[in-house]
PDB file of N, CA and C in Angstrom:
ATOM      1  N   UNK A   1     137.413  83.540 120.977  1.00  0.00           N
ATOM      2  CA  UNK A   1     135.870  83.818 120.626  1.00  0.00           C
ATOM      3  C   UNK A   1     135.950  82.252 120.704  1.00  0.00           C
ATOM      4  N   UNK A   2     134.633  81.715 121.930  1.00  0.00           N
ATOM      5  CA  UNK A   2     135.914  80.020 122.148  1.00  0.00           C
ATOM      6  C   UNK A   2     134.569  79.355 120.732  1.00  0.00           C
ATOM      7  N   UNK A   3     134.904  77.493 120.406  1.00  0.00           N
ATOM      8  CA  UNK A   3     134.099  76.844 119.689  1.00  0.00           C
ATOM      9  C   UNK A   3     133.005  77.134 119.497  1.00  0.00           C
ATOM     10  N   UNK A   4     131.713  77.040 121.148  1.00  0.00           N
ATOM     11  CA  UNK A   4     130.065  77.566 121.203  1.00  0.00           C
ATOM     12  C   UNK A   4     129.970  78.261 120.384  1.00  0.00           C
ATOM     13  N   UNK A   5     130.251  79.533 121.111  1.00  0.00           N
ATOM     14  CA  UNK A   5     129.781  81.239 120.236  1.00  0.00           C
ATOM     15  C   UNK A   5     130.774  80.991 119.144  1.00  0.00           C
ATOM     16  N   UNK A   6     131.778  80.148 118.509  1.00  0.00           N
ATOM     17  CA  UNK A   6     131.585  80.191 116.470  1.00  0.00           C
ATOM     18  C   UNK A   6     130.530  79.881 116.367  1.00  0.00           C
ATOM     19  N   UNK A   7     129.975  77.887 117.224  1.00  0.00           N
ATOM     20  CA  UNK A   7     128.773  77.647 116.058  1.00  0.00           C
ATOM     21  C   UNK A   7     127.898  78.038 116.061  1.00  0.00           C
ATOM     22  N   UNK A   8     127.519  78.612 117.483  1.00  0.00           N
ATOM     23  CA  UNK A   8     126.537  79.785 117.429  1.00  0.00           C
ATOM     24  C   UNK A   8     126.100  81.212 116.396  1.00  0.00           C
ATOM     25  N   UNK A   9     127.187  82.217 116.199  1.00  0.00           N
ATOM     26  CA  UNK A   9     127.068  82.546 115.639  1.00  0.00           C
ATOM     27  C   UNK A   9     126.902  82.465 114.443  1.00  0.00           C
ATOM     28  N   UNK A  10     127.796  80.588 113.854  1.00  0.00           N
ATOM     29  CA  UNK A  10     127.623  80.608 112.405  1.00  0.00           C
ATOM     30  C   UNK A  10     126.086  79.935 111.800  1.00  0.00           C
ATOM     31  N   UNK A  11     125.435  79.574 112.310  1.00  0.00           N
ATOM     32  CA  UNK A  11     123.859  79.605 113.390  1.00  0.00           C
ATOM     33  C   UNK A  11     122.955  80.066 113.228  1.00  0.00           C
ATOM     34  N   UNK A  12     123.727  81.960 113.305  1.00  0.00           N
ATOM     35  CA  UNK A  12     122.087  82.685 113.330  1.00  0.00           C
ATOM     36  C   UNK A  12     122.748  83.155 111.722  1.00  0.00           C
ATOM     37  N   UNK A  13     123.958  83.497 111.672  1.00  0.00           N
ATOM     38  CA  UNK A  13     124.462  84.141 110.831  1.00  0.00           C
ATOM     39  C   UNK A  13     123.818  83.394 109.681  1.00  0.00           C
ATOM     40  N   UNK A  14     123.991  81.727 109.363  1.00  0.00           N
ATOM     41  CA  UNK A  14     123.132  80.671 108.058  1.00  0.00           C
ATOM     42  C   UNK A  14     121.263  81.129 108.223  1.00  0.00           C
ATOM     43  N   UNK A  15     120.703  80.908 109.407  1.00  0.00           N
ATOM     44  CA  UNK A  15     119.626  81.260 109.699  1.00  0.00           C
ATOM     45  C   UNK A  15     118.611  83.269 109.504  1.00  0.00           C
ATOM     46  N   UNK A  16     119.984  83.785 109.557  1.00  0.00           N
ATOM     47  CA  UNK A  16     119.587  85.400 108.877  1.00  0.00           C
ATOM     48  C   UNK A  16     119.348  85.160 107.411  1.00  0.00           C
ATOM     49  N   UNK A  17     120.335  84.519 106.686  1.00  0.00           N
ATOM     50  CA  UNK A  17     120.422  83.860 105.203  1.00  0.00           C
ATOM     51  C   UNK A  17     119.506  83.661 104.835  1.00  0.00           C
ATOM     52  N   UNK A  18     118.404  82.555 105.550  1.00  0.00           N
ATOM     53  CA  UNK A  18     117.073  81.480 105.424  1.00  0.00           C
ATOM     54  C   UNK A  18     115.762  83.467 105.033  1.00  0.00           C
ATOM     55  N   UNK A  19     116.133  83.912 105.877  1.00  0.00           N
ATOM     56  CA  UNK A  19     114.928  85.261 105.812  1.00  0.00           C
ATOM     57  C   UNK A  19     115.820  85.722 105.087  1.00  0.00           C
ATOM     58  N   UNK A  20     116.667  86.446 104.044  1.00  0.00           N
ATOM     59  CA  UNK A  20     116.638  87.795 103.305  1.00  0.00           C
ATOM     60  C   UNK A  20     116.392  86.522 102.118  1.00  0.00           C
ATOM     61  N   UNK A  21     116.743  85.250 101.776  1.00  0.00           N
ATOM     62  CA  UNK A  21     116.036  84.325 100.980  1.00  0.00           C
ATOM     63  C   UNK A  21     114.745  84.284 100.744  1.00  0.00           C
ATOM     64  N   UNK A  22     113.731  83.899 101.865  1.00  0.00           N
ATOM     65  CA  UNK A  22     112.281  84.146 101.606  1.00  0.00           C
ATOM     66  C   UNK A  22     111.789  85.905 101.191  1.00  0.00           C
ATOM     67  N   UNK A  23     112.994  86.879 101.295  1.00  0.00           N
ATOM     68  CA  UNK A  23     112.770  87.533 100.465  1.00  0.00           C
ATOM     69  C   UNK A  23     111.540  88.788 102.191  1.00  0.00           C
ATOM     70  N   UNK A  24     112.067  88.469 103.466  1.00  0.00           N
ATOM     71  CA  UNK A  24     111.443  88.624 104.541  1.00  0.00           C
ATOM     72  C   UNK A  24     112.944  89.634 104.931  1.00  0.00           C
ATOM     73  N   UNK A  25     113.811  90.463 104.723  1.00  0.00           N
ATOM     74  CA  UNK A  25     114.993  91.296 105.314  1.00  0.00           C
ATOM     75  C   UNK A  25     113.527  92.445 106.117  1.00  0.00           C
ATOM     76  N   UNK A  26     112.592  92.476 105.301  1.00  0.00           N
ATOM     77  CA  UNK A  26     112.621  94.096 105.692  1.00  0.00           C
ATOM     78  C   UNK A  26     110.904  93.960 106.101  1.00  0.00           C
ATOM     79  N   UNK A  27     111.004  92.997 106.751  1.00  0.00           N
ATOM     80  CA  UNK A  27     109.271  92.617 107.631  1.00  0.00           C
ATOM     81  C   UNK A  27     110.189  92.326 109.222  1.00  0.00           C
ATOM     82  N   UNK A  28     108.553  92.007 110.157  1.00  0.00           N
ATOM     83  CA  UNK A  28     108.541  92.811 110.493  1.00  0.00           C
ATOM     84  C   UNK A  28     109.163  91.722 111.848  1.00  0.00           C
ATOM     85  N   UNK A  29     109.732  92.111 113.120  1.00  0.00           N
ATOM     86  CA  UNK A  29     110.008  91.189 113.733  1.00  0.00           C
ATOM     87  C   UNK A  29     108.946  90.699 114.212  1.00  0.00           C
ATOM     88  N   UNK A  30     108.710  91.212 115.283  1.00  0.00           N
ATOM     89  CA  UNK A  30     107.000  90.343 115.264  1.00  0.00           C
ATOM     90  C   UNK A  30     106.170  89.576 114.757  1.00  0.00           C
ATOM     91  N   UNK A  31     106.092  89.571 113.346  1.00  0.00           N
ATOM     92  CA  UNK A  31     105.459  88.754 112.499  1.00  0.00           C
ATOM     93  C   UNK A  31     106.526  87.528 111.952  1.00  0.00           C
ATOM     94  N   UNK A  32     107.518  87.851 111.707  1.00  0.00           N
ATOM     95  CA  UNK A  32     108.533  86.875 111.295  1.00  0.00           C
ATOM     96  C   UNK A  32     108.391  85.738 113.019  1.00  0.00           C
ATOM     97  N   UNK A  33     108.815  86.169 114.182  1.00  0.00           N
ATOM     98  CA  UNK A  33     108.206  85.464 115.334  1.00  0.00           C
ATOM     99  C   UNK A  33     107.122  84.453 115.271  1.00  0.00           C
ATOM    100  N   UNK A  34     106.088  85.140 115.471  1.00  0.00           N
ATOM    101  CA  UNK A  34     104.365  84.460 115.323  1.00  0.00           C
ATOM    102  C   UNK A  34     105.062  83.687 114.034  1.00  0.00           C
ATOM    103  N   UNK A  35     105.399  83.999 112.878  1.00  0.00           N
ATOM    104  CA  UNK A  35     105.184  82.863 111.982  1.00  0.00           C
ATOM    105  C   UNK A  35     106.245  81.641 112.251  1.00  0.00           C
ATOM    106  N   UNK A  36     107.478  82.321 112.588  1.00  0.00           N
ATOM    107  CA  UNK A  36     108.492  80.572 112.980  1.00  0.00           C
ATOM    108  C   UNK A  36     107.795  80.078 114.083  1.00  0.00           C
ATOM    109  N   UNK A  37     106.748  80.781 114.941  1.00  0.00           N
ATOM    110  CA  UNK A  37     106.201  79.930 116.361  1.00  0.00           C
ATOM    111  C   UNK A  37     104.944  78.655 115.316  1.00  0.00           C
ATOM    112  N   UNK A  38     104.672  80.139 114.869  1.00  0.00           N
ATOM    113  CA  UNK A  38     103.710  78.821 114.316  1.00  0.00           C
ATOM    114  C   UNK A  38     103.554  77.361 113.472  1.00  0.00           C
ATOM    115  N   UNK A  39     105.273  77.198 112.671  1.00  0.00           N
ATOM    116  CA  UNK A  39     105.820  76.570 112.149  1.00  0.00           C
ATOM    117  C   UNK A  39     106.579  75.797 112.970  1.00  0.00           C
ATOM    118  N   UNK A  40     106.850  75.903 114.256  1.00  0.00           N
ATOM    119  CA  UNK A  40     107.138  75.453 115.687  1.00  0.00           C
ATOM    120  C   UNK A  40     106.204  74.273 115.465  1.00  0.00           C
ATOM    121  N   UNK A  41     104.849  74.660 115.369  1.00  0.00           N
ATOM    122  CA  UNK A  41     104.319  73.688 116.144  1.00  0.00           C
ATOM    123  C   UNK A  41     103.544  72.952 114.750  1.00  0.00           C
ATOM    124  N   UNK A  42     104.215  72.701 113.771  1.00  0.00           N
ATOM    125  CA  UNK A  42     103.297  71.330 112.725  1.00  0.00           C
ATOM    126  C   UNK A  42     104.534  70.330 112.675  1.00  0.00           C
ATOM    127  N   UNK A  43     103.815  69.270 112.622  1.00  0.00           N
ATOM    128  CA  UNK A  43     104.376  68.243 113.891  1.00  0.00           C
ATOM    129  C   UNK A  43     105.383  67.315 112.113  1.00  0.00           C
ATOM    130  N   UNK A  44     106.369  66.825 112.194  1.00  0.00           N
ATOM    131  CA  UNK A  44     107.150  66.785 111.904  1.00  0.00           C
ATOM    132  C   UNK A  44     106.558  65.431 111.271  1.00  0.00           C
ATOM    133  N   UNK A  45     106.641  64.971 109.925  1.00  0.00           N
ATOM    134  CA  UNK A  45     105.933  63.592 108.617  1.00  0.00           C
ATOM    135  C   UNK A  45     104.304  63.621 108.388  1.00  0.00           C
ATOM    136  N   UNK A  46     103.904  65.225 108.788  1.00  0.00           N
ATOM    137  CA  UNK A  46     102.976  65.341 108.539  1.00  0.00           C
ATOM    138  C   UNK A  46     102.681  66.147 107.490  1.00  0.00           C
ATOM    139  N   UNK A  47     101.516  65.410 106.387  1.00  0.00           N
ATOM    140  CA  UNK A  47     101.539  66.172 104.455  1.00  0.00           C
ATOM    141  C   UNK A  47     101.927  67.233 105.455  1.00  0.00           C
ATOM    142  N   UNK A  48     101.397  68.608 105.985  1.00  0.00           N
ATOM    143  CA  UNK A  48     101.832  69.638 106.127  1.00  0.00           C
ATOM    144  C   UNK A  48     102.628  70.497 106.011  1.00  0.00           C
ATOM    145  N   UNK A  49     104.329  69.600 107.026  1.00  0.00           N
ATOM    146  CA  UNK A  49     105.763  69.907 107.329  1.00  0.00           C
ATOM    147  C   UNK A  49     106.011  68.956 105.537  1.00  0.00           C
ATOM    148  N   UNK A  50     105.167  67.656 105.279  1.00  0.00           N
ATOM    149  CA  UNK A  50     105.817  67.600 103.928  1.00  0.00           C
ATOM    150  C   UNK A  50     105.847  68.623 103.019  1.00  0.00           C
ATOM    151  N   UNK A  51     105.217  69.307 102.762  1.00  0.00           N
ATOM    152  CA  UNK A  51     104.355  70.604 101.916  1.00  0.00           C
ATOM    153  C   UNK A  51     105.718  71.647 101.781  1.00  0.00           C
ATOM    154  N   UNK A  52     105.756  72.058 103.071  1.00  0.00           N
ATOM    155  CA  UNK A  52     106.094  73.509 103.275  1.00  0.00           C
ATOM    156  C   UNK A  52     108.254  72.876 103.075  1.00  0.00           C
ATOM    157  N   UNK A  53     107.797  71.878 104.094  1.00  0.00           N
ATOM    158  CA  UNK A  53     109.962  70.593 103.289  1.00  0.00           C
ATOM    159  C   UNK A  53     109.936  70.993 101.570  1.00  0.00           C
ATOM    160  N   UNK A  54     108.738  71.011 100.389  1.00  0.00           N
ATOM    161  CA  UNK A  54     108.980  70.422  99.650  1.00  0.00           C
ATOM    162  C   UNK A  54     108.931  72.136  99.167  1.00  0.00           C
ATOM    163  N   UNK A  55     108.521  73.090  99.615  1.00  0.00           N
ATOM    164  CA  UNK A  55     108.661  74.262  99.152  1.00  0.00           C
ATOM    165  C   UNK A  55     109.874  74.985 100.008  1.00  0.00           C
ATOM    166  N   UNK A  56     110.094  74.522 100.604  1.00  0.00           N
ATOM    167  CA  UNK A  56     111.663  75.531 100.946  1.00  0.00           C
ATOM    168  C   UNK A  56     112.664  74.611 100.145  1.00  0.00           C
ATOM    169  N   UNK A  57     112.942  73.222  99.496  1.00  0.00           N
ATOM    170  CA  UNK A  57     113.827  72.890  98.747  1.00  0.00           C
ATOM    171  C   UNK A  57     113.554  73.157  97.651  1.00  0.00           C
ATOM    172  N   UNK A  58     112.764  73.206  96.836  1.00  0.00           N
ATOM    173  CA  UNK A  58     112.087  74.515  95.557  1.00  0.00           C
ATOM    174  C   UNK A  58     113.236  75.704  95.645  1.00  0.00           C
ATOM    175  N   UNK A  59     112.907  75.810  97.170  1.00  0.00           N
ATOM    176  CA  UNK A  59     112.620  77.257  96.836  1.00  0.00           C
ATOM    177  C   UNK A  59     114.874  77.935  97.542  1.00  0.00           C
ATOM    178  N   UNK A  60     115.130  76.870  97.630  1.00  0.00           N
ATOM    179  CA  UNK A  60     116.732  76.531  98.059  1.00  0.00           C
ATOM    180  C   UNK A  60     117.201  76.012  96.614  1.00  0.00           C
ATOM    181  N   UNK A  61     116.184  75.131  95.636  1.00  0.00           N
ATOM    182  CA  UNK A  61     117.469  74.806  93.856  1.00  0.00           C
ATOM    183  C   UNK A  61     116.691  76.082  93.039  1.00  0.00           C
ATOM    184  N   UNK A  62     116.245  76.641  93.459  1.00  0.00           N
ATOM    185  CA  UNK A  62     115.833  78.234  92.522  1.00  0.00           C
ATOM    186  C   UNK A  62     116.563  79.069  93.093  1.00  0.00           C
ATOM    187  N   UNK A  63     117.224  79.541  94.624  1.00  0.00           N
ATOM    188  CA  UNK A  63     117.985  80.517  94.584  1.00  0.00           C
ATOM    189  C   UNK A  63     119.200  79.986  94.134  1.00  0.00           C
ATOM    190  N   UNK A  64     119.775  79.016  94.180  1.00  0.00           N
ATOM    191  CA  UNK A  64     120.900  78.823  94.074  1.00  0.00           C
ATOM    192  C   UNK A  64     121.238  78.838  92.786  1.00  0.00           C
ATOM    193  N   UNK A  65     119.737  77.836  91.521  1.00  0.00           N
ATOM    194  CA  UNK A  65     119.924  78.275  90.101  1.00  0.00           C
ATOM    195  C   UNK A  65     120.445  79.278  89.596  1.00  0.00           C
ATOM    196  N   UNK A  66     119.207  80.658  89.970  1.00  0.00           N
ATOM    197  CA  UNK A  66     119.566  81.936  89.406  1.00  0.00           C
ATOM    198  C   UNK A  66     119.221  82.452  90.455  1.00  0.00           C
ATOM    199  N   UNK A  67     120.782  82.941  91.249  1.00  0.00           N
ATOM    200  CA  UNK A  67     120.885  84.565  91.663  1.00  0.00           C
ATOM    201  C   UNK A  67     120.194  85.541  91.912  1.00  0.00           C
ATOM    202  N   UNK A  68     119.940  85.964  90.574  1.00  0.00           N
ATOM    203  CA  UNK A  68     119.664  87.031  90.070  1.00  0.00           C
ATOM    204  C   UNK A  68     117.958  87.467  90.743  1.00  0.00           C
ATOM    205  N   UNK A  69     117.210  86.503  90.019  1.00  0.00           N
ATOM    206  CA  UNK A  69     115.934  86.891  90.588  1.00  0.00           C
ATOM    207  C   UNK A  69     115.260  85.916  91.402  1.00  0.00           C
ATOM    208  N   UNK A  70     114.891  85.692  92.562  1.00  0.00           N
ATOM    209  CA  UNK A  70     114.258  84.946  93.414  1.00  0.00           C
ATOM    210  C   UNK A  70     113.069  83.954  92.890  1.00  0.00           C
ATOM    211  N   UNK A  71     112.634  82.592  92.754  1.00  0.00           N
ATOM    212  CA  UNK A  71     111.595  82.154  93.143  1.00  0.00           C
ATOM    213  C   UNK A  71     110.698  81.908  94.177  1.00  0.00           C
ATOM    214  N   UNK A  72     110.936  82.427  95.546  1.00  0.00           N
ATOM    215  CA  UNK A  72     110.432  82.091  96.508  1.00  0.00           C
ATOM    216  C   UNK A  72     108.590  82.510  96.363  1.00  0.00           C
ATOM    217  N   UNK A  73     108.703  83.431  96.224  1.00  0.00           N
ATOM    218  CA  UNK A  73     107.613  83.655  96.283  1.00  0.00           C
ATOM    219  C   UNK A  73     106.596  83.039  95.324  1.00  0.00           C
ATOM    220  N   UNK A  74     106.837  82.480  94.588  1.00  0.00           N
ATOM    221  CA  UNK A  74     105.995  81.800  93.851  1.00  0.00           C
ATOM    222  C   UNK A  74     105.965  80.122  94.470  1.00  0.00           C
ATOM    223  N   UNK A  75     106.903  79.318  94.550  1.00  0.00           N
ATOM    224  CA  UNK A  75     107.182  78.352  95.208  1.00  0.00           C
ATOM    225  C   UNK A  75     106.355  78.000  96.552  1.00  0.00           C
ATOM    226  N   UNK A  76     106.601  80.089  97.789  1.00  0.00           N
ATOM    227  CA  UNK A  76     105.311  79.375  98.858  1.00  0.00           C
ATOM    228  C   UNK A  76     103.639  79.627  99.093  1.00  0.00           C
ATOM    229  N   UNK A  77     103.731  79.948  97.075  1.00  0.00           N
ATOM    230  CA  UNK A  77     101.938  79.763  97.275  1.00  0.00           C
ATOM    231  C   UNK A  77     101.323  78.856  97.981  1.00  0.00           C
ATOM    232  N   UNK A  78     100.104  79.181  98.523  1.00  0.00           N
ATOM    233  CA  UNK A  78      99.368  78.427  99.529  1.00  0.00           C
ATOM    234  C   UNK A  78      98.490  77.575  98.398  1.00  0.00           C
ATOM    235  N   UNK A  79      98.640  76.052  97.962  1.00  0.00           N
ATOM    236  CA  UNK A  79      97.907  75.551  97.110  1.00  0.00           C
ATOM    237  C   UNK A  79      96.400  75.207  97.710  1.00  0.00           C
TER     238      UNK A  79
END
């Protein structure tokens, strides 16, 4: 496997892990792609971008602190 293919495989693996951490492993693929497409339209540096990034940072901290239970659903509630 070339270095580029290894890098791409690792990136896909890591992105899949994020989907699992978010509790969306069983979600419909079209739903996931639709949500990600919407996220792609959020302009970096905006209040919405910062809000979503904060939620993600909290979720990463919560899952790394306590692997036994996920706090992602709680962190992702709309304000």
